[in-house]
C-alpha atoms as a PDB file:
ATOM      1  CA  MET A   1      -0.211   0.052   0.071  1.00  0.00           C
ATOM      2  CA  LYS A   2       1.310   3.292  -0.912  1.00  0.00           C
ATOM      3  CA  ILE A   3       0.409   6.581   0.749  1.00  0.00           C
ATOM      4  CA  ARG A   4       1.197   9.944  -0.261  1.00  0.00           C
ATOM      5  CA  ILE A   5      -0.117  13.532   0.365  1.00  0.00           C
ATOM      6  CA  GLU A   6      -0.585  15.935  -2.571  1.00  0.00           C
ATOM      7  CA  ASN A   7      -2.152  19.380  -2.058  1.00  0.00           C
ATOM      8  CA  GLY A   8      -3.400  18.353   1.276  1.00  0.00           C
ATOM      9  CA  THR A   9      -5.023  15.293  -0.038  1.00  0.00           C
ATOM     10  CA  THR A  10      -4.507  12.001   1.091  1.00  0.00           C
ATOM     11  CA  ILE A  11      -4.139   9.486  -1.900  1.00  0.00           C
ATOM     12  CA  ILE A  12      -4.062   5.830  -0.948  1.00  0.00           C
ATOM     13  CA  SER A  13      -3.231   3.019  -3.588  1.00  0.00           C
ATOM     14  CA  THR A  14      -3.570  -0.267  -2.904  1.00  0.00           C
ATOM     15  CA  GLY A  15      -2.968  -1.651  -6.483  1.00  0.00           C
ATOM     16  CA  ASP A  16       0.956  -1.364  -6.594  1.00  0.00           C
ATOM     17  CA  ALA A  17       3.440  -3.770  -7.810  1.00  0.00           C
ATOM     18  CA  THR A  18       4.144  -5.221  -4.449  1.00  0.00           C
ATOM     19  CA  GLY A  19       0.855  -7.391  -4.551  1.00  0.00           C
ATOM     20  CA  GLY A  20      -1.614  -5.076  -2.984  1.00  0.00           C
ATOM     21  CA  LYS A  21      -5.360  -5.521  -3.492  1.00  0.00           C
ATOM     22  CA  LYS A  22      -6.522  -4.450  -6.890  1.00  0.00           C
ATOM     23  CA  ASN A  23     -10.326  -3.968  -7.934  1.00  0.00           C
ATOM     24  CA  LYS A  24     -11.540  -5.352 -11.208  1.00  0.00           C
ATOM     25  CA  HIS A  25     -11.573  -1.984 -12.991  1.00  0.00           C
ATOM     26  CA  GLY A  26      -8.207  -0.808 -11.932  1.00  0.00           C
ATOM     27  CA  CYS A  27      -9.326   2.541 -10.952  1.00  0.00           C
ATOM     28  CA  THR A  28      -8.920   3.790  -7.080  1.00  0.00           C
ATOM     29  CA  GLY A  29     -11.620   5.141  -5.310  1.00  0.00           C
ATOM     30  CA  ILE A  30     -14.691   3.081  -6.727  1.00  0.00           C
ATOM     31  CA  GLN A  31     -15.946   0.554  -4.788  1.00  0.00           C
ATOM     32  CA  PHE A  32     -19.277  -1.555  -5.261  1.00  0.00           C
ATOM     33  CA  ASP A  33     -21.963  -0.828  -2.820  1.00  0.00           C
ATOM     34  CA  LYS A  34     -23.837  -4.110  -1.923  1.00  0.00           C
ATOM     35  CA  ARG A  35     -26.726  -2.795  -0.387  1.00  0.00           C
ATOM     36  CA  SER A  36     -27.596  -0.380  -3.489  1.00  0.00           C
ATOM     37  CA  GLN A  37     -26.200  -2.795  -6.219  1.00  0.00           C
ATOM     38  CA  LYS A  38     -24.284   0.158  -7.808  1.00  0.00           C
ATOM     39  CA  HIS A  39     -20.777   1.357  -7.566  1.00  0.00           C
ATOM     40  CA  ARG A  40     -19.769   4.392  -5.826  1.00  0.00           C
ATOM     41  CA  ALA A  41     -16.989   6.830  -6.433  1.00  0.00           C
ATOM     42  CA  GLU A  42     -15.239   9.021  -3.691  1.00  0.00           C
ATOM     43  CA  ILE A  43     -12.110  11.028  -3.212  1.00  0.00           C
ATOM     44  CA  SER A  44     -10.238  12.446  -0.122  1.00  0.00           C
ATOM     45  CA  TYR A  45      -9.366  16.388  -0.333  1.00  0.00           C
ATOM     46  CA  ASN A  46      -7.882  18.183   2.763  1.00  0.00           C
ATOM     47  CA  LYS A  47      -8.363  15.210   5.033  1.00  0.00           C
ATOM     48  CA  LYS A  48     -12.067  14.737   4.096  1.00  0.00           C
ATOM     49  CA  LYS A  49     -13.990  12.424   1.923  1.00  0.00           C
ATOM     50  CA  TYR A  50     -16.154  13.634  -0.820  1.00  0.00           C
ATOM     51  CA  HIS A  51     -18.842  11.278  -2.432  1.00  0.00           C
ATOM     52  CA  LEU A  52     -18.703  11.564  -6.189  1.00  0.00           C
ATOM     53  CA  GLY A  53     -21.928   9.833  -6.984  1.00  0.00           C
ATOM     54  CA  TYR A  54     -23.336   6.177  -7.446  1.00  0.00           C
ATOM     55  CA  SER A  55     -24.137   4.523 -10.953  1.00  0.00           C
ATOM     56  CA  THR A  56     -24.515   1.114 -12.530  1.00  0.00           C
ATOM     57  CA  ASP A  57     -22.423   2.605 -15.354  1.00  0.00           C
ATOM     58  CA  ILE A  58     -18.797   2.223 -14.134  1.00  0.00           C
ATOM     59  CA  ASP A  59     -17.125   3.974 -16.997  1.00  0.00           C
ATOM     60  CA  GLU A  60     -19.194   7.129 -16.024  1.00  0.00           C
ATOM     61  CA  LEU A  61     -17.916   6.756 -12.462  1.00  0.00           C
ATOM     62  CA  ILE A  62     -14.455   6.301 -13.641  1.00  0.00           C
ATOM     63  CA  ALA A  63     -14.585   9.627 -15.851  1.00  0.00           C
ATOM     64  CA  ILE A  64     -15.962  11.451 -12.779  1.00  0.00           C
ATOM     65  CA  ARG A  65     -13.188  10.244 -10.726  1.00  0.00           C
ATOM     66  CA  LYS A  66     -10.448  11.024 -13.260  1.00  0.00           C
ATOM     67  CA  GLU A  67     -11.829  14.538 -13.561  1.00  0.00           C
ATOM     68  CA  ALA A  68     -11.789  14.990  -9.705  1.00  0.00           C
ATOM     69  CA  GLU A  69      -8.311  13.859  -9.576  1.00  0.00           C
ATOM     70  CA  PHE A  70      -7.201  16.441 -12.137  1.00  0.00           C
ATOM     71  CA  HIS A  71      -9.106  19.146 -10.180  1.00  0.00           C
ATOM     72  CA  VAL A  72      -7.332  18.158  -7.082  1.00  0.00           C
ATOM     73  CA  LYS A  73      -3.816  18.350  -8.739  1.00  0.00           C
ATOM     74  CA  ASN A  74      -4.573  21.904  -9.916  1.00  0.00           C
ATOM     75  CA  GLY A  75      -5.789  23.021  -6.383  1.00  0.00           C
ATOM     76  CA  GLU A  76      -9.328  23.620  -7.609  1.00  0.00           C
ATOM     77  CA  PHE A  77     -11.203  20.831  -6.234  1.00  0.00           C
ATOM     78  CA  GLU A  78     -13.676  22.675  -3.895  1.00  0.00           C
ATOM     79  CA  ALA A  79     -14.918  24.856  -6.399  1.00  0.00           C
ATOM     80  CA  TRP A  80     -15.194  22.239  -9.070  1.00  0.00           C
ATOM     81  CA  PHE A  81     -17.115  19.999  -6.622  1.00  0.00           C
ATOM     82  CA  ARG A  82     -19.580  22.661  -5.456  1.00  0.00           C
ATOM     83  CA  LEU A  83     -20.552  23.484  -9.140  1.00  0.00           C
ATOM     84  CA  LYS A  84     -20.815  19.602 -10.238  1.00  0.00           C
ATOM     85  CA  LYS A  85     -22.429  18.500  -7.138  1.00  0.00           C
ATOM     86  CA  GLY A  86     -25.589  20.055  -8.093  1.00  0.00           C
ATOM     87  CA  ARG A  87     -25.666  18.988 -11.536  1.00  0.00           C
ATOM     88  CA  TRP A  88     -25.099  15.460 -10.437  1.00  0.00           C
ATOM     89  CA  ASN A  89     -28.181  15.425  -8.425  1.00  0.00           C
ATOM     90  CA  GLU A  90     -30.335  16.880 -10.999  1.00  0.00           C
ATOM     91  CA  LYS A  91     -29.009  14.063 -13.664  1.00  0.00           C
ATOM     92  CA  ARG A  92     -29.842  11.233 -11.352  1.00  0.00           C
ATOM     93  CA  ASN A  93     -33.070  12.319 -10.067  1.00  0.00           C
END
């Protein structure tokens, strides 16, 4: 397991070459939720976890997670998250 802090964000990687646990899709931060029978995406930023959404479409969640990672690296994650959060809720309802 690798842990590093980047822009105040803890990034945990369990799928490294040392035999860490890997998920089927190969994207960190996406897990299957048995209760809802959907995948969920999340990311940690400034020591807080942010829920990025639930979906049966794993490719959609991977794209959202990659976009979130981009904004974390550029230091603009919180503004991006506030803007996107309302749109995600509208889309899923």
